[in-house]
Amino acid sequence: MSLTRTVAFSTVGVEVGVKSLLFVGMLLLSGCGSAIPMDGEAADGERFIGSLTARGRDYGPIDMRNSSGIECNGIWQLDSQKSGSASFTCTDGRTGTAELSLGDAPAGTMKGMLGGKPFAGTFERSPL
């Protein structure tokens, strides 16, 4: 009789353990997205490389860095006409905004301002 109780208790423990693992897995995956490579350049020649991370088909974080180690992070979004915007803040205090356009071209374009200087770039099409 105690063997039956031990087995029943063990089964409940395994079930609870599996549910816990599934919950943790779902939490980890909820932060995942597809990285879309991008690059850009300010009017003074300062170059950035990074990515737009797709959270769904049309929005997510933007992360980029220059060769000096300055990082810029923010958000981007596209509307149903495949145009949109990005806004970001850099670790040196500069801020930037850009208009995004995807259209039918193989790559999208970014045009805007970074720290008061014109900024332009491109990004690949989302794999989604």
N, C-alpha and C. Protein backbone atom coordinates (compact mmCIF):
# COMPACT_ATOMS: atom_id res chain seq x y z
N MET A 1 0.81 -1.18 0.00
CA MET A 1 0.00 0.00 0.00
C MET A 1 0.87 1.26 0.00
N SER A 2 1.95 1.27 0.73
CA SER A 2 2.80 2.45 0.72
C SER A 2 3.47 2.64 -0.64
N LEU A 3 3.70 1.54 -1.37
CA LEU A 3 4.26 1.64 -2.71
C LEU A 3 3.31 2.39 -3.62
N THR A 4 2.01 2.15 -3.51
CA THR A 4 1.02 2.86 -4.31
C THR A 4 1.03 4.34 -4.00
N ARG A 5 1.10 4.68 -2.73
CA ARG A 5 1.14 6.09 -2.35
C ARG A 5 2.42 6.77 -2.88
N THR A 6 3.53 6.08 -2.79
CA THR A 6 4.78 6.64 -3.28
C THR A 6 4.70 6.88 -4.77
N VAL A 7 4.16 5.94 -5.52
CA VAL A 7 4.04 6.09 -6.96
C VAL A 7 3.09 7.25 -7.28
N ALA A 8 1.96 7.32 -6.59
CA ALA A 8 1.01 8.40 -6.84
C ALA A 8 1.65 9.75 -6.52
N PHE A 9 2.37 9.82 -5.42
CA PHE A 9 3.03 11.07 -5.05
C PHE A 9 4.10 11.43 -6.07
N SER A 10 4.85 10.42 -6.49
CA SER A 10 5.90 10.65 -7.47
C SER A 10 5.31 11.15 -8.79
N THR A 11 4.18 10.61 -9.22
CA THR A 11 3.55 11.04 -10.45
C THR A 11 3.10 12.49 -10.35
N VAL A 12 2.54 12.87 -9.21
CA VAL A 12 2.12 14.26 -9.01
C VAL A 12 3.33 15.18 -9.08
N GLY A 13 4.43 14.79 -8.47
CA GLY A 13 5.65 15.59 -8.49
C GLY A 13 6.19 15.76 -9.91
N VAL A 14 6.14 14.70 -10.70
CA VAL A 14 6.60 14.77 -12.08
C VAL A 14 5.69 15.69 -12.88
N GLU A 15 4.37 15.59 -12.66
CA GLU A 15 3.42 16.43 -13.39
C GLU A 15 3.66 17.90 -13.05
N VAL A 16 3.85 18.21 -11.77
CA VAL A 16 4.10 19.58 -11.36
C VAL A 16 5.41 20.06 -11.95
N GLY A 17 6.45 19.20 -11.96
CA GLY A 17 7.74 19.57 -12.53
C GLY A 17 7.65 19.86 -14.01
N VAL A 18 6.92 19.06 -14.76
CA VAL A 18 6.76 19.27 -16.20
C VAL A 18 6.01 20.58 -16.45
N LYS A 19 4.95 20.83 -15.68
CA LYS A 19 4.21 22.08 -15.85
C LYS A 19 5.10 23.28 -15.55
N SER A 20 5.95 23.18 -14.54
CA SER A 20 6.86 24.27 -14.21
C SER A 20 7.84 24.53 -15.35
N LEU A 21 8.40 23.45 -15.90
CA LEU A 21 9.33 23.60 -17.02
C LEU A 21 8.65 24.22 -18.24
N LEU A 22 7.41 23.80 -18.52
CA LEU A 22 6.69 24.38 -19.65
C LEU A 22 6.44 25.86 -19.43
N PHE A 23 6.09 26.24 -18.23
CA PHE A 23 5.84 27.65 -17.92
C PHE A 23 7.12 28.47 -18.11
N VAL A 24 8.24 27.99 -17.59
CA VAL A 24 9.51 28.70 -17.74
C VAL A 24 9.88 28.80 -19.22
N GLY A 25 9.68 27.72 -19.97
CA GLY A 25 9.97 27.73 -21.41
C GLY A 25 9.13 28.75 -22.14
N MET A 26 7.85 28.86 -21.80
CA MET A 26 6.98 29.84 -22.44
C MET A 26 7.44 31.26 -22.12
N LEU A 27 7.86 31.50 -20.89
CA LEU A 27 8.36 32.83 -20.52
C LEU A 27 9.61 33.19 -21.31
N LEU A 28 10.52 32.24 -21.46
CA LEU A 28 11.75 32.50 -22.21
C LEU A 28 11.45 32.76 -23.68
N LEU A 29 10.56 31.98 -24.27
CA LEU A 29 10.24 32.15 -25.68
C LEU A 29 9.46 33.42 -25.96
N SER A 30 8.74 33.92 -24.99
CA SER A 30 7.97 35.13 -25.22
C SER A 30 8.87 36.32 -25.52
N GLY A 31 10.13 36.25 -25.13
CA GLY A 31 11.07 37.33 -25.40
C GLY A 31 11.80 37.15 -26.73
N CYS A 32 11.55 36.06 -27.42
CA CYS A 32 12.26 35.79 -28.67
C CYS A 32 11.64 36.55 -29.84
N GLY A 33 12.42 36.79 -30.83
CA GLY A 33 11.96 37.43 -32.05
C GLY A 33 12.98 37.19 -33.14
N SER A 34 12.64 37.56 -34.35
CA SER A 34 13.55 37.41 -35.47
C SER A 34 14.38 38.68 -35.63
N ALA A 35 15.69 38.53 -35.65
CA ALA A 35 16.59 39.67 -35.82
C ALA A 35 16.70 40.02 -37.30
N ILE A 36 16.44 41.27 -37.62
CA ILE A 36 16.51 41.77 -39.00
C ILE A 36 17.75 42.68 -39.06
N PRO A 37 18.79 42.29 -39.80
CA PRO A 37 20.00 43.11 -39.86
C PRO A 37 19.73 44.51 -40.42
N MET A 38 20.43 45.51 -39.87
CA MET A 38 20.30 46.88 -40.35
C MET A 38 21.65 47.57 -40.25
N ASP A 39 21.83 48.61 -41.03
CA ASP A 39 23.00 49.47 -40.90
C ASP A 39 22.59 50.89 -41.25
N GLY A 40 23.33 51.84 -40.73
CA GLY A 40 23.01 53.23 -40.99
C GLY A 40 24.22 54.11 -40.85
N GLU A 41 24.09 55.36 -41.33
CA GLU A 41 25.19 56.30 -41.29
C GLU A 41 24.67 57.71 -41.08
N ALA A 42 25.32 58.44 -40.17
CA ALA A 42 24.99 59.85 -39.95
C ALA A 42 25.71 60.67 -41.01
N ALA A 43 25.31 61.92 -41.18
CA ALA A 43 25.86 62.80 -42.21
C ALA A 43 27.37 63.01 -42.06
N ASP A 44 27.89 62.89 -40.84
CA ASP A 44 29.34 63.08 -40.63
C ASP A 44 30.15 61.82 -40.86
N GLY A 45 29.49 60.74 -41.35
CA GLY A 45 30.19 59.50 -41.65
C GLY A 45 30.18 58.47 -40.54
N GLU A 46 29.60 58.79 -39.39
CA GLU A 46 29.52 57.84 -38.29
C GLU A 46 28.60 56.69 -38.70
N ARG A 47 29.14 55.47 -38.68
CA ARG A 47 28.38 54.29 -39.13
C ARG A 47 27.90 53.45 -37.95
N PHE A 48 26.72 52.87 -38.12
CA PHE A 48 26.13 51.99 -37.12
C PHE A 48 25.72 50.69 -37.79
N ILE A 49 25.84 49.60 -37.03
CA ILE A 49 25.27 48.32 -37.46
C ILE A 49 24.44 47.78 -36.31
N GLY A 50 23.45 46.96 -36.62
CA GLY A 50 22.60 46.42 -35.57
C GLY A 50 21.47 45.61 -36.14
N SER A 51 20.35 45.65 -35.42
CA SER A 51 19.20 44.86 -35.86
C SER A 51 17.89 45.46 -35.36
N LEU A 52 16.87 45.18 -36.12
CA LEU A 52 15.49 45.41 -35.72
C LEU A 52 15.00 44.02 -35.33
N THR A 53 14.49 43.85 -34.14
CA THR A 53 13.99 42.55 -33.74
C THR A 53 12.48 42.54 -33.92
N ALA A 54 12.01 41.60 -34.73
CA ALA A 54 10.57 41.52 -35.04
C ALA A 54 9.82 40.82 -33.92
N ARG A 55 8.92 41.52 -33.30
CA ARG A 55 7.98 40.96 -32.32
C ARG A 55 6.64 40.93 -33.03
N GLY A 56 6.38 39.85 -33.73
CA GLY A 56 5.25 39.82 -34.65
C GLY A 56 5.77 40.26 -36.00
N ARG A 57 4.92 40.81 -36.83
CA ARG A 57 5.32 41.20 -38.18
C ARG A 57 5.71 42.67 -38.32
N ASP A 58 5.33 43.50 -37.35
CA ASP A 58 5.43 44.92 -37.64
C ASP A 58 5.88 45.82 -36.49
N TYR A 59 6.58 45.30 -35.51
CA TYR A 59 7.06 46.14 -34.41
C TYR A 59 8.13 45.41 -33.62
N GLY A 60 8.87 46.17 -32.81
CA GLY A 60 9.86 45.56 -31.93
C GLY A 60 10.97 46.53 -31.56
N PRO A 61 11.98 46.02 -30.86
CA PRO A 61 13.10 46.87 -30.47
C PRO A 61 14.11 47.05 -31.60
N ILE A 62 14.80 48.19 -31.59
CA ILE A 62 15.92 48.45 -32.49
C ILE A 62 17.16 48.59 -31.62
N ASP A 63 18.25 47.96 -32.02
CA ASP A 63 19.51 48.00 -31.30
C ASP A 63 20.63 48.17 -32.31
N MET A 64 21.47 49.18 -32.12
CA MET A 64 22.59 49.39 -33.03
C MET A 64 23.78 49.94 -32.25
N ARG A 65 24.98 49.82 -32.87
CA ARG A 65 26.22 50.22 -32.21
C ARG A 65 27.19 50.74 -33.27
N ASN A 66 28.00 51.73 -32.87
CA ASN A 66 29.03 52.21 -33.78
C ASN A 66 30.38 51.60 -33.40
N SER A 67 31.43 51.91 -34.15
CA SER A 67 32.75 51.31 -33.90
C SER A 67 33.38 51.80 -32.61
N SER A 68 32.90 52.92 -32.06
CA SER A 68 33.41 53.44 -30.78
C SER A 68 32.72 52.81 -29.59
N GLY A 69 31.74 51.95 -29.84
CA GLY A 69 31.03 51.28 -28.75
C GLY A 69 29.79 52.00 -28.28
N ILE A 70 29.42 53.10 -28.92
CA ILE A 70 28.19 53.80 -28.55
C ILE A 70 27.01 52.96 -29.02
N GLU A 71 26.08 52.70 -28.11
CA GLU A 71 24.91 51.89 -28.42
C GLU A 71 23.67 52.78 -28.47
N CYS A 72 22.77 52.44 -29.38
CA CYS A 72 21.48 53.12 -29.47
C CYS A 72 20.40 52.06 -29.42
N ASN A 73 19.39 52.30 -28.59
CA ASN A 73 18.29 51.35 -28.42
C ASN A 73 16.97 52.10 -28.45
N GLY A 74 15.96 51.44 -28.98
CA GLY A 74 14.64 52.05 -29.03
C GLY A 74 13.60 51.09 -29.59
N ILE A 75 12.61 51.66 -30.27
CA ILE A 75 11.53 50.84 -30.81
C ILE A 75 11.27 51.22 -32.27
N TRP A 76 10.71 50.29 -33.01
CA TRP A 76 10.31 50.55 -34.39
C TRP A 76 8.95 49.94 -34.63
N GLN A 77 8.26 50.43 -35.66
CA GLN A 77 6.96 49.86 -36.04
C GLN A 77 6.69 50.16 -37.50
N LEU A 78 5.96 49.26 -38.15
CA LEU A 78 5.51 49.45 -39.53
C LEU A 78 4.00 49.33 -39.57
N ASP A 79 3.36 50.08 -40.46
CA ASP A 79 1.90 49.96 -40.61
C ASP A 79 1.58 49.01 -41.76
N SER A 80 0.32 48.86 -42.08
CA SER A 80 -0.10 47.91 -43.12
C SER A 80 0.37 48.32 -44.51
N GLN A 81 0.74 49.60 -44.70
CA GLN A 81 1.28 50.06 -45.99
C GLN A 81 2.81 49.92 -46.05
N LYS A 82 3.38 49.25 -45.06
CA LYS A 82 4.82 48.99 -44.98
C LYS A 82 5.65 50.25 -44.82
N SER A 83 5.11 51.23 -44.12
CA SER A 83 5.89 52.41 -43.74
C SER A 83 5.71 52.59 -42.24
N GLY A 84 6.64 53.28 -41.62
CA GLY A 84 6.53 53.43 -40.18
C GLY A 84 7.63 54.32 -39.63
N SER A 85 8.00 54.08 -38.38
CA SER A 85 8.97 54.94 -37.73
C SER A 85 9.79 54.17 -36.71
N ALA A 86 10.91 54.77 -36.34
CA ALA A 86 11.76 54.25 -35.27
C ALA A 86 12.18 55.44 -34.41
N SER A 87 12.32 55.21 -33.13
CA SER A 87 12.87 56.22 -32.22
C SER A 87 13.85 55.51 -31.30
N PHE A 88 14.95 56.19 -30.99
CA PHE A 88 15.99 55.53 -30.20
C PHE A 88 16.80 56.55 -29.41
N THR A 89 17.45 56.07 -28.37
CA THR A 89 18.32 56.87 -27.52
C THR A 89 19.67 56.18 -27.44
N CYS A 90 20.73 56.95 -27.49
CA CYS A 90 22.08 56.40 -27.48
C CYS A 90 22.73 56.57 -26.11
N THR A 91 23.73 55.74 -25.85
CA THR A 91 24.41 55.77 -24.54
C THR A 91 25.18 57.06 -24.31
N ASP A 92 25.46 57.85 -25.37
CA ASP A 92 26.13 59.14 -25.20
C ASP A 92 25.14 60.30 -25.03
N GLY A 93 23.83 59.97 -24.93
CA GLY A 93 22.81 60.98 -24.68
C GLY A 93 22.07 61.46 -25.91
N ARG A 94 22.57 61.15 -27.10
CA ARG A 94 21.87 61.58 -28.31
C ARG A 94 20.58 60.80 -28.49
N THR A 95 19.64 61.42 -29.17
CA THR A 95 18.39 60.74 -29.52
C THR A 95 18.23 60.79 -31.03
N GLY A 96 17.39 59.91 -31.53
CA GLY A 96 17.16 59.88 -32.96
C GLY A 96 15.77 59.38 -33.31
N THR A 97 15.35 59.75 -34.50
CA THR A 97 14.10 59.26 -35.07
C THR A 97 14.34 58.99 -36.55
N ALA A 98 13.59 58.06 -37.10
CA ALA A 98 13.72 57.75 -38.52
C ALA A 98 12.38 57.29 -39.06
N GLU A 99 12.11 57.65 -40.30
CA GLU A 99 10.95 57.13 -41.01
C GLU A 99 11.41 55.85 -41.72
N LEU A 100 10.59 54.82 -41.64
CA LEU A 100 10.91 53.53 -42.25
C LEU A 100 10.00 53.30 -43.45
N SER A 101 10.56 52.68 -44.48
CA SER A 101 9.77 52.33 -45.65
C SER A 101 10.26 50.99 -46.18
N LEU A 102 9.32 50.09 -46.48
CA LEU A 102 9.70 48.77 -46.96
C LEU A 102 9.32 48.56 -48.42
N GLY A 103 8.13 48.91 -48.83
CA GLY A 103 7.73 48.77 -50.23
C GLY A 103 8.00 47.39 -50.79
N ASP A 104 8.28 47.33 -52.11
CA ASP A 104 8.55 46.05 -52.77
C ASP A 104 10.04 45.80 -52.99
N ALA A 105 10.89 46.70 -52.54
CA ALA A 105 12.33 46.55 -52.71
C ALA A 105 12.86 45.41 -51.84
N PRO A 106 14.03 44.87 -52.19
CA PRO A 106 14.60 43.79 -51.38
C PRO A 106 15.03 44.24 -49.98
N ALA A 107 15.25 45.55 -49.80
CA ALA A 107 15.63 46.07 -48.48
C ALA A 107 14.80 47.30 -48.17
N GLY A 108 14.58 47.53 -46.88
CA GLY A 108 13.86 48.72 -46.45
C GLY A 108 14.82 49.88 -46.24
N THR A 109 14.28 51.09 -46.15
CA THR A 109 15.10 52.27 -45.93
C THR A 109 14.72 52.97 -44.64
N MET A 110 15.70 53.65 -44.06
CA MET A 110 15.52 54.47 -42.85
C MET A 110 16.06 55.85 -43.18
N LYS A 111 15.28 56.90 -42.91
CA LYS A 111 15.75 58.27 -43.10
C LYS A 111 15.26 59.10 -41.93
N GLY A 112 16.20 59.82 -41.31
CA GLY A 112 15.80 60.63 -40.17
C GLY A 112 16.94 61.44 -39.63
N MET A 113 16.93 61.62 -38.30
CA MET A 113 17.93 62.44 -37.62
C MET A 113 18.49 61.67 -36.43
N LEU A 114 19.78 61.89 -36.18
CA LEU A 114 20.44 61.32 -35.01
C LEU A 114 21.29 62.43 -34.39
N GLY A 115 20.93 62.86 -33.21
CA GLY A 115 21.67 63.93 -32.54
C GLY A 115 21.72 65.21 -33.34
N GLY A 116 20.64 65.52 -34.07
CA GLY A 116 20.58 66.74 -34.85
C GLY A 116 21.22 66.66 -36.23
N LYS A 117 21.73 65.48 -36.61
CA LYS A 117 22.36 65.30 -37.92
C LYS A 117 21.55 64.31 -38.75
N PRO A 118 21.49 64.51 -40.06
CA PRO A 118 20.77 63.54 -40.91
C PRO A 118 21.34 62.13 -40.75
N PHE A 119 20.45 61.17 -40.76
CA PHE A 119 20.81 59.76 -40.57
C PHE A 119 20.04 58.95 -41.62
N ALA A 120 20.70 58.01 -42.27
CA ALA A 120 20.04 57.16 -43.27
C ALA A 120 20.58 55.74 -43.13
N GLY A 121 19.73 54.78 -43.47
CA GLY A 121 20.16 53.39 -43.38
C GLY A 121 19.25 52.47 -44.14
N THR A 122 19.58 51.20 -44.08
CA THR A 122 18.78 50.15 -44.71
C THR A 122 18.59 49.00 -43.74
N PHE A 123 17.56 48.22 -43.98
CA PHE A 123 17.32 47.00 -43.20
C PHE A 123 16.77 45.94 -44.14
N GLU A 124 17.06 44.67 -43.80
CA GLU A 124 16.58 43.57 -44.61
C GLU A 124 15.10 43.35 -44.39
N ARG A 125 14.49 42.64 -45.31
CA ARG A 125 13.09 42.27 -45.15
C ARG A 125 12.94 41.30 -43.98
N SER A 126 11.84 41.39 -43.27
CA SER A 126 11.57 40.48 -42.17
C SER A 126 11.34 39.08 -42.72
N PRO A 127 11.89 38.07 -42.04
CA PRO A 127 11.65 36.69 -42.48
C PRO A 127 10.25 36.21 -42.15
N LEU A 128 9.46 37.01 -41.47
CA LEU A 128 8.10 36.60 -41.08
C LEU A 128 7.11 36.82 -42.20
